[in-house]
Amino acid sequence: MTTPTPNQANAQANAQANEQAPKQANEHAQRQPRKHPDEIVIGLVSISDRAATGVYEDKGIPALQEWLGAALSSPWQVVTRLIQDDAPTISATLIELVDEVGCDLVLTTGGTGPARRDVTPEATLAVATKDMPGFGEQMRQISLNFVPTAILSRQVAVIRETAAHAALIINLPGQPKSIKETLEGLREADPGGTVKVPGIFAAVPYCIDLIGGPYVETNAEVVKAFRPKSAQRAPRPA
C-alpha cells in the first residue's frame, strides 16, 4: 500500500472537512441576527492544541475583542471558537462560521508558522473561493520591522463565497502584540503618530463593501479605514 505524502494527507483531510462541515455546523450553529443594517458579524477563531485542552489560557480571542472594541465605531458582534490545531477542524470551523453563522469577517490566530502542526494556512486555503495575497504580504512587511523571523510567518487571507453570502477570512499571528501591530500598522514617534506603514485593517471595511457586507466604520485614532470617495456614504439609520 502506498503511503500518502504530507501534502496529499492534508488535501484529503481538508476535503473530508468540507464534506462533514455542514452536518457538524447544523448541530450547534445558528445564524446571528443583526440589530442594525450595518452591524458586522465577526468570527474569532483561536487555534491552539494546548489552549483548546485547557493547558493554558487563550489570549488571542481576548486580545482581538479588546482591539475591535477600540477600533470599530459602527455596530459589531462576535462569535468565538477555541479549537485544536488540525486541518479538518480548522476548515470545518471556518465553513460553519461563514455558511451557517453568517459571519462577514473571520479572524484566526495561531498555527501559521513552519512547524508540522501549523496548518492554519492550508486549512484556510482549502475553503477559499478567492485568494487575497496582499494581506499576508503586508503582515509580513509590518512584522519585519520588529523581528527578522517574520519571514517564517505564513498567514493568508481569502474570500469564501456561497450563493447568498461572502466573507473575508484572515489569518493573524499568534501573539497579542503582533496581532495589534499587523492590524494597526506602524506609526511615527511624532506627537500626531503619523502612519508610517498602514495596517491591514485599513483595507478591511472596503473589502467587506465589495463582497456585499455591511458598511464598517473605524476609529481613526486606532486605524483609519480607507475607501475611494465614490464608496463613502453616511451610516444607515437603525
C-alpha atoms as a PDB file:
ATOM      1  CA  MET A   1       0.000   0.000   0.000  1.00  0.00           C
ATOM      2  CA  THR A   2       1.331   3.451  -0.934  1.00  0.00           C
ATOM      3  CA  THR A   3       1.683   5.872   1.975  1.00  0.00           C
ATOM      4  CA  PRO A   4       0.303   9.353   1.111  1.00  0.00           C
ATOM      5  CA  THR A   5       2.667  12.309   1.249  1.00  0.00           C
ATOM      6  CA  PRO A   6       2.029  15.052   3.883  1.00  0.00           C
ATOM      7  CA  ASN A   7       0.517  17.315   1.190  1.00  0.00           C
ATOM      8  CA  GLN A   8      -1.779  14.533  -0.033  1.00  0.00           C
ATOM      9  CA  ALA A   9      -2.801  13.769   3.539  1.00  0.00           C
ATOM     10  CA  ASN A  10      -3.639  17.420   4.206  1.00  0.00           C
ATOM     11  CA  ALA A  11      -5.639  17.628   0.975  1.00  0.00           C
ATOM     12  CA  GLN A  12      -7.607  14.509   1.891  1.00  0.00           C
ATOM     13  CA  ALA A  13      -8.261  15.834   5.411  1.00  0.00           C
ATOM     14  CA  ASN A  14      -9.443  19.193   4.091  1.00  0.00           C
ATOM     15  CA  ALA A  15     -11.753  17.539   1.556  1.00  0.00           C
ATOM     16  CA  GLN A  16     -13.234  15.457   4.372  1.00  0.00           C
ATOM     17  CA  ALA A  17     -13.751  18.603   6.459  1.00  0.00           C
ATOM     18  CA  ASN A  18     -15.679  20.267   3.634  1.00  0.00           C
ATOM     19  CA  GLU A  19     -17.937  17.202   3.350  1.00  0.00           C
ATOM     20  CA  GLN A  20     -18.573  16.953   7.088  1.00  0.00           C
ATOM     21  CA  ALA A  21     -18.808  20.645   7.978  1.00  0.00           C
ATOM     22  CA  PRO A  22     -22.473  21.323   7.083  1.00  0.00           C
ATOM     23  CA  LYS A  23     -23.616  18.382   9.240  1.00  0.00           C
ATOM     24  CA  GLN A  24     -21.410  19.477  12.142  1.00  0.00           C
ATOM     25  CA  ALA A  25     -22.461  23.111  11.807  1.00  0.00           C
ATOM     26  CA  ASN A  26     -26.190  22.360  11.780  1.00  0.00           C
ATOM     27  CA  GLU A  27     -25.858  20.589  15.103  1.00  0.00           C
ATOM     28  CA  HIS A  28     -24.922  23.744  17.028  1.00  0.00           C
ATOM     29  CA  ALA A  29     -24.616  26.786  14.740  1.00  0.00           C
ATOM     30  CA  GLN A  30     -27.243  29.477  14.409  1.00  0.00           C
ATOM     31  CA  ARG A  31     -27.282  32.445  12.055  1.00  0.00           C
ATOM     32  CA  GLN A  32     -26.655  35.569  14.075  1.00  0.00           C
ATOM     33  CA  PRO A  33     -29.468  38.169  13.940  1.00  0.00           C
ATOM     34  CA  ARG A  34     -28.351  41.734  13.237  1.00  0.00           C
ATOM     35  CA  LYS A  35     -29.612  44.571  15.405  1.00  0.00           C
ATOM     36  CA  HIS A  36     -28.604  47.201  12.811  1.00  0.00           C
ATOM     37  CA  PRO A  37     -28.356  47.106   8.985  1.00  0.00           C
ATOM     38  CA  ASP A  38     -24.644  47.906   9.196  1.00  0.00           C
ATOM     39  CA  GLU A  39     -23.784  45.591  12.083  1.00  0.00           C
ATOM     40  CA  ILE A  40     -20.863  43.349  11.174  1.00  0.00           C
ATOM     41  CA  VAL A  41     -20.715  39.777  12.454  1.00  0.00           C
ATOM     42  CA  ILE A  42     -17.119  38.772  13.157  1.00  0.00           C
ATOM     43  CA  GLY A  43     -15.890  35.256  13.843  1.00  0.00           C
ATOM     44  CA  LEU A  44     -12.832  34.969  16.103  1.00  0.00           C
ATOM     45  CA  VAL A  45     -11.008  31.638  15.998  1.00  0.00           C
ATOM     46  CA  SER A  46      -8.089  30.821  18.286  1.00  0.00           C
ATOM     47  CA  ILE A  47      -6.176  27.777  17.066  1.00  0.00           C
ATOM     48  CA  SER A  48      -4.078  26.049  19.719  1.00  0.00           C
ATOM     49  CA  ASP A  49      -3.891  22.458  20.899  1.00  0.00           C
ATOM     50  CA  ARG A  50      -2.825  23.457  24.419  1.00  0.00           C
ATOM     51  CA  ALA A  51      -5.334  26.279  24.869  1.00  0.00           C
ATOM     52  CA  ALA A  52      -8.148  24.124  23.473  1.00  0.00           C
ATOM     53  CA  THR A  53      -7.373  21.404  26.025  1.00  0.00           C
ATOM     54  CA  GLY A  54      -7.025  23.829  28.945  1.00  0.00           C
ATOM     55  CA  VAL A  55      -3.254  23.576  29.387  1.00  0.00           C
ATOM     56  CA  TYR A  56      -3.060  27.365  29.364  1.00  0.00           C
ATOM     57  CA  GLU A  57      -5.446  30.279  28.987  1.00  0.00           C
ATOM     58  CA  ASP A  58      -6.139  31.531  25.485  1.00  0.00           C
ATOM     59  CA  LYS A  59      -5.008  35.124  24.970  1.00  0.00           C
ATOM     60  CA  GLY A  60      -5.761  35.530  21.264  1.00  0.00           C
ATOM     61  CA  ILE A  61      -9.532  35.971  21.424  1.00  0.00           C
ATOM     62  CA  PRO A  62      -9.493  38.419  24.387  1.00  0.00           C
ATOM     63  CA  ALA A  63      -6.805  40.484  22.621  1.00  0.00           C
ATOM     64  CA  LEU A  64      -8.868  40.638  19.437  1.00  0.00           C
ATOM     65  CA  GLN A  65     -12.052  41.566  21.275  1.00  0.00           C
ATOM     66  CA  GLU A  66     -10.259  44.356  23.100  1.00  0.00           C
ATOM     67  CA  TRP A  67      -8.752  45.666  19.869  1.00  0.00           C
ATOM     68  CA  LEU A  68     -12.043  45.571  17.982  1.00  0.00           C
ATOM     69  CA  GLY A  69     -13.724  47.440  20.828  1.00  0.00           C
ATOM     70  CA  ALA A  70     -11.240  50.284  20.394  1.00  0.00           C
ATOM     71  CA  ALA A  71     -11.065  50.195  16.588  1.00  0.00           C
ATOM     72  CA  LEU A  72     -14.694  49.904  15.452  1.00  0.00           C
ATOM     73  CA  SER A  73     -17.104  52.815  15.677  1.00  0.00           C
ATOM     74  CA  SER A  74     -20.022  51.122  13.878  1.00  0.00           C
ATOM     75  CA  PRO A  75     -22.099  48.250  15.352  1.00  0.00           C
ATOM     76  CA  TRP A  76     -20.450  44.841  15.653  1.00  0.00           C
ATOM     77  CA  GLN A  77     -20.811  41.479  17.340  1.00  0.00           C
ATOM     78  CA  VAL A  78     -18.511  38.477  17.665  1.00  0.00           C
ATOM     79  CA  VAL A  79     -18.807  34.709  17.611  1.00  0.00           C
ATOM     80  CA  THR A  80     -15.834  32.885  19.140  1.00  0.00           C
ATOM     81  CA  ARG A  81     -14.303  29.449  18.689  1.00  0.00           C
ATOM     82  CA  LEU A  82     -11.321  27.896  20.528  1.00  0.00           C
ATOM     83  CA  ILE A  83     -10.162  24.848  18.584  1.00  0.00           C
ATOM     84  CA  GLN A  84      -7.297  22.385  18.205  1.00  0.00           C
ATOM     85  CA  ASP A  85      -4.593  22.762  15.583  1.00  0.00           C
ATOM     86  CA  ASP A  86      -5.601  20.279  12.896  1.00  0.00           C
ATOM     87  CA  ALA A  87      -6.691  20.921   9.328  1.00  0.00           C
ATOM     88  CA  PRO A  88     -10.121  19.220   9.321  1.00  0.00           C
ATOM     89  CA  THR A  89     -11.226  21.045  12.484  1.00  0.00           C
ATOM     90  CA  ILE A  90      -9.991  24.412  11.225  1.00  0.00           C
ATOM     91  CA  SER A  91     -11.653  24.050   7.812  1.00  0.00           C
ATOM     92  CA  ALA A  92     -14.922  22.837   9.325  1.00  0.00           C
ATOM     93  CA  THR A  93     -14.972  25.765  11.772  1.00  0.00           C
ATOM     94  CA  LEU A  94     -14.387  28.330   9.014  1.00  0.00           C
ATOM     95  CA  ILE A  95     -17.159  26.813   6.895  1.00  0.00           C
ATOM     96  CA  GLU A  96     -19.526  26.830   9.860  1.00  0.00           C
ATOM     97  CA  LEU A  97     -18.847  30.475  10.725  1.00  0.00           C
ATOM     98  CA  VAL A  98     -19.326  31.693   7.154  1.00  0.00           C
ATOM     99  CA  ASP A  99     -22.017  29.390   5.776  1.00  0.00           C
ATOM    100  CA  GLU A 100     -24.103  28.725   8.883  1.00  0.00           C
ATOM    101  CA  VAL A 101     -23.499  31.593  11.323  1.00  0.00           C
ATOM    102  CA  GLY A 102     -23.256  34.215   8.565  1.00  0.00           C
ATOM    103  CA  CYS A 103     -20.034  35.953   9.614  1.00  0.00           C
ATOM    104  CA  ASP A 104     -18.860  38.768   7.326  1.00  0.00           C
ATOM    105  CA  LEU A 105     -15.301  38.626   8.640  1.00  0.00           C
ATOM    106  CA  VAL A 106     -13.400  35.770  10.293  1.00  0.00           C
ATOM    107  CA  LEU A 107     -10.091  36.401  12.077  1.00  0.00           C
ATOM    108  CA  THR A 108      -7.966  33.442  13.102  1.00  0.00           C
ATOM    109  CA  THR A 109      -4.947  33.457  15.382  1.00  0.00           C
ATOM    110  CA  GLY A 110      -2.322  30.744  15.695  1.00  0.00           C
ATOM    111  CA  GLY A 111      -0.971  27.893  13.594  1.00  0.00           C
ATOM    112  CA  THR A 112       0.750  29.917  10.862  1.00  0.00           C
ATOM    113  CA  GLY A 113       4.424  29.049  11.430  1.00  0.00           C
ATOM    114  CA  PRO A 114       6.599  26.375   9.792  1.00  0.00           C
ATOM    115  CA  ALA A 115       6.121  23.702  12.472  1.00  0.00           C
ATOM    116  CA  ARG A 116       4.489  20.417  11.453  1.00  0.00           C
ATOM    117  CA  ARG A 117       1.344  21.206  13.471  1.00  0.00           C
ATOM    118  CA  ASP A 118       0.994  24.666  11.906  1.00  0.00           C
ATOM    119  CA  VAL A 119      -1.663  24.016   9.253  1.00  0.00           C
ATOM    120  CA  THR A 120      -3.926  27.067   9.504  1.00  0.00           C
ATOM    121  CA  PRO A 121      -2.973  28.497   6.071  1.00  0.00           C
ATOM    122  CA  GLU A 122      -3.564  25.159   4.321  1.00  0.00           C
ATOM    123  CA  ALA A 123      -6.923  24.689   6.065  1.00  0.00           C
ATOM    124  CA  THR A 124      -7.932  28.254   5.176  1.00  0.00           C
ATOM    125  CA  LEU A 125      -6.991  27.931   1.509  1.00  0.00           C
ATOM    126  CA  ALA A 126      -8.956  24.673   1.349  1.00  0.00           C
ATOM    127  CA  VAL A 127     -12.251  26.520   1.961  1.00  0.00           C
ATOM    128  CA  ALA A 128     -11.491  29.567  -0.202  1.00  0.00           C
ATOM    129  CA  THR A 129     -13.076  30.707  -3.432  1.00  0.00           C
ATOM    130  CA  LYS A 130     -10.618  33.612  -3.857  1.00  0.00           C
ATOM    131  CA  ASP A 131      -7.084  34.151  -2.556  1.00  0.00           C
ATOM    132  CA  MET A 132      -6.230  37.640  -1.213  1.00  0.00           C
ATOM    133  CA  PRO A 133      -2.396  37.564  -1.051  1.00  0.00           C
ATOM    134  CA  GLY A 134      -1.896  41.251  -0.265  1.00  0.00           C
ATOM    135  CA  PHE A 135      -2.967  40.797   3.355  1.00  0.00           C
ATOM    136  CA  GLY A 136      -0.297  38.205   4.108  1.00  0.00           C
ATOM    137  CA  GLU A 137       2.343  40.202   2.270  1.00  0.00           C
ATOM    138  CA  GLN A 138       1.546  43.330   4.281  1.00  0.00           C
ATOM    139  CA  MET A 139       1.517  41.498   7.619  1.00  0.00           C
ATOM    140  CA  ARG A 140       4.990  40.130   6.997  1.00  0.00           C
ATOM    141  CA  GLN A 141       6.193  43.554   5.854  1.00  0.00           C
ATOM    142  CA  ILE A 142       4.971  45.115   9.113  1.00  0.00           C
ATOM    143  CA  SER A 143       6.412  42.373  11.328  1.00  0.00           C
ATOM    144  CA  LEU A 144       9.821  42.581   9.637  1.00  0.00           C
ATOM    145  CA  ASN A 145      10.202  45.980  11.272  1.00  0.00           C
ATOM    146  CA  PHE A 146      10.346  44.162  14.612  1.00  0.00           C
ATOM    147  CA  VAL A 147      11.771  40.674  14.079  1.00  0.00           C
ATOM    148  CA  PRO A 148      13.707  39.006  11.240  1.00  0.00           C
ATOM    149  CA  THR A 149      11.761  35.791  11.832  1.00  0.00           C
ATOM    150  CA  ALA A 150       8.681  37.447  10.303  1.00  0.00           C
ATOM    151  CA  ILE A 151       9.672  35.710   7.069  1.00  0.00           C
ATOM    152  CA  LEU A 152       8.715  32.427   8.730  1.00  0.00           C
ATOM    153  CA  SER A 153       5.089  33.545   9.104  1.00  0.00           C
ATOM    154  CA  ARG A 154       2.693  32.050   6.559  1.00  0.00           C
ATOM    155  CA  GLN A 155      -0.531  33.985   7.176  1.00  0.00           C
ATOM    156  CA  VAL A 156      -3.003  34.072   4.300  1.00  0.00           C
ATOM    157  CA  ALA A 157      -6.323  35.795   3.630  1.00  0.00           C
ATOM    158  CA  VAL A 158      -9.139  34.524   1.444  1.00  0.00           C
ATOM    159  CA  ILE A 159     -12.717  35.128   0.398  1.00  0.00           C
ATOM    160  CA  ARG A 160     -15.252  32.355   0.925  1.00  0.00           C
ATOM    161  CA  GLU A 161     -18.432  32.693  -1.143  1.00  0.00           C
ATOM    162  CA  THR A 162     -21.747  30.874  -1.070  1.00  0.00           C
ATOM    163  CA  ALA A 163     -24.770  31.514  -3.273  1.00  0.00           C
ATOM    164  CA  ALA A 164     -26.140  34.153  -0.891  1.00  0.00           C
ATOM    165  CA  HIS A 165     -23.206  35.280   1.226  1.00  0.00           C
ATOM    166  CA  ALA A 166     -19.480  36.027   1.223  1.00  0.00           C
ATOM    167  CA  ALA A 167     -16.903  36.601   3.940  1.00  0.00           C
ATOM    168  CA  LEU A 168     -13.298  37.685   4.311  1.00  0.00           C
ATOM    169  CA  ILE A 169     -11.105  35.271   6.311  1.00  0.00           C
ATOM    170  CA  ILE A 170      -7.730  36.480   7.608  1.00  0.00           C
ATOM    171  CA  ASN A 171      -5.051  34.504   9.440  1.00  0.00           C
ATOM    172  CA  LEU A 172      -3.379  36.655  12.106  1.00  0.00           C
ATOM    173  CA  PRO A 173      -0.229  35.979  14.171  1.00  0.00           C
ATOM    174  CA  GLY A 174      -0.497  34.145  17.469  1.00  0.00           C
ATOM    175  CA  GLN A 175       0.919  36.780  19.837  1.00  0.00           C
ATOM    176  CA  PRO A 176      -1.373  39.642  21.021  1.00  0.00           C
ATOM    177  CA  LYS A 177       1.395  42.226  20.451  1.00  0.00           C
ATOM    178  CA  SER A 178       1.890  41.052  16.864  1.00  0.00           C
ATOM    179  CA  ILE A 179      -1.867  40.984  16.270  1.00  0.00           C
ATOM    180  CA  LYS A 180      -2.141  44.643  17.253  1.00  0.00           C
ATOM    181  CA  GLU A 181       0.872  45.640  15.141  1.00  0.00           C
ATOM    182  CA  THR A 182      -0.353  43.955  11.983  1.00  0.00           C
ATOM    183  CA  LEU A 183      -3.902  45.297  12.326  1.00  0.00           C
ATOM    184  CA  GLU A 184      -2.903  48.891  13.128  1.00  0.00           C
ATOM    185  CA  GLY A 185       0.398  49.250  11.257  1.00  0.00           C
ATOM    186  CA  LEU A 186       3.376  51.380  12.241  1.00  0.00           C
ATOM    187  CA  ARG A 187       3.259  54.981  13.398  1.00  0.00           C
ATOM    188  CA  GLU A 188       5.955  57.614  13.591  1.00  0.00           C
ATOM    189  CA  ALA A 189       7.142  58.764  17.023  1.00  0.00           C
ATOM    190  CA  ASP A 190       5.846  62.311  16.418  1.00  0.00           C
ATOM    191  CA  PRO A 191       3.029  63.709  18.596  1.00  0.00           C
ATOM    192  CA  GLY A 192       0.404  63.036  15.948  1.00  0.00           C
ATOM    193  CA  GLY A 193       1.525  59.466  15.415  1.00  0.00           C
ATOM    194  CA  THR A 194       1.618  59.713  11.619  1.00  0.00           C
ATOM    195  CA  VAL A 195       1.053  56.335   9.987  1.00  0.00           C
ATOM    196  CA  LYS A 196       4.355  55.051   8.596  1.00  0.00           C
ATOM    197  CA  VAL A 197       3.199  51.648   7.324  1.00  0.00           C
ATOM    198  CA  PRO A 198      -0.582  51.030   7.031  1.00  0.00           C
ATOM    199  CA  GLY A 199      -2.026  48.139   8.989  1.00  0.00           C
ATOM    200  CA  ILE A 200      -4.090  45.557   7.187  1.00  0.00           C
ATOM    201  CA  PHE A 201      -7.378  46.549   8.838  1.00  0.00           C
ATOM    202  CA  ALA A 202      -7.367  49.847   6.919  1.00  0.00           C
ATOM    203  CA  ALA A 203      -8.376  47.826   3.836  1.00  0.00           C
ATOM    204  CA  VAL A 204     -10.865  45.504   5.542  1.00  0.00           C
ATOM    205  CA  PRO A 205     -14.004  47.726   5.526  1.00  0.00           C
ATOM    206  CA  TYR A 206     -13.782  48.417   1.787  1.00  0.00           C
ATOM    207  CA  CYS A 207     -13.158  44.735   1.087  1.00  0.00           C
ATOM    208  CA  ILE A 208     -16.303  43.920   3.080  1.00  0.00           C
ATOM    209  CA  ASP A 209     -18.183  46.507   0.971  1.00  0.00           C
ATOM    210  CA  LEU A 210     -17.025  44.886  -2.255  1.00  0.00           C
ATOM    211  CA  ILE A 211     -18.249  41.423  -1.268  1.00  0.00           C
ATOM    212  CA  GLY A 212     -21.682  42.724  -0.250  1.00  0.00           C
ATOM    213  CA  GLY A 213     -21.240  43.062   3.512  1.00  0.00           C
ATOM    214  CA  PRO A 214     -22.196  45.828   5.963  1.00  0.00           C
ATOM    215  CA  TYR A 215     -20.688  49.327   5.949  1.00  0.00           C
ATOM    216  CA  VAL A 216     -17.995  49.230   8.637  1.00  0.00           C
ATOM    217  CA  GLU A 217     -16.603  52.413  10.198  1.00  0.00           C
ATOM    218  CA  THR A 218     -13.496  52.735  12.346  1.00  0.00           C
ATOM    219  CA  ASN A 219     -11.959  54.972  14.975  1.00  0.00           C
ATOM    220  CA  ALA A 220      -9.302  56.889  13.024  1.00  0.00           C
ATOM    221  CA  GLU A 221      -7.157  57.256  16.137  1.00  0.00           C
ATOM    222  CA  VAL A 222      -6.667  53.480  16.115  1.00  0.00           C
ATOM    223  CA  VAL A 223      -6.873  52.667  12.405  1.00  0.00           C
ATOM    224  CA  LYS A 224      -8.382  54.763   9.633  1.00  0.00           C
ATOM    225  CA  ALA A 225     -10.437  52.823   7.113  1.00  0.00           C
ATOM    226  CA  PHE A 226      -9.683  53.727   3.511  1.00  0.00           C
ATOM    227  CA  ARG A 227     -12.375  53.942   0.852  1.00  0.00           C
ATOM    228  CA  PRO A 228     -12.433  55.739  -2.509  1.00  0.00           C
ATOM    229  CA  LYS A 229     -14.644  58.825  -2.360  1.00  0.00           C
ATOM    230  CA  SER A 230     -17.182  57.108  -4.599  1.00  0.00           C
ATOM    231  CA  ALA A 231     -17.600  54.357  -1.990  1.00  0.00           C
ATOM    232  CA  GLN A 232     -18.106  56.625   1.020  1.00  0.00           C
ATOM    233  CA  ARG A 233     -21.594  57.171   2.414  1.00  0.00           C
ATOM    234  CA  ALA A 234     -23.410  58.176   5.572  1.00  0.00           C
ATOM    235  CA  PRO A 235     -24.309  55.420   8.053  1.00  0.00           C
ATOM    236  CA  ARG A 236     -27.774  53.873   7.680  1.00  0.00           C
ATOM    237  CA  PRO A 237     -30.313  54.737  10.388  1.00  0.00           C
ATOM    238  CA  ALA A 238     -31.104  51.980  12.867  1.00  0.00           C
END
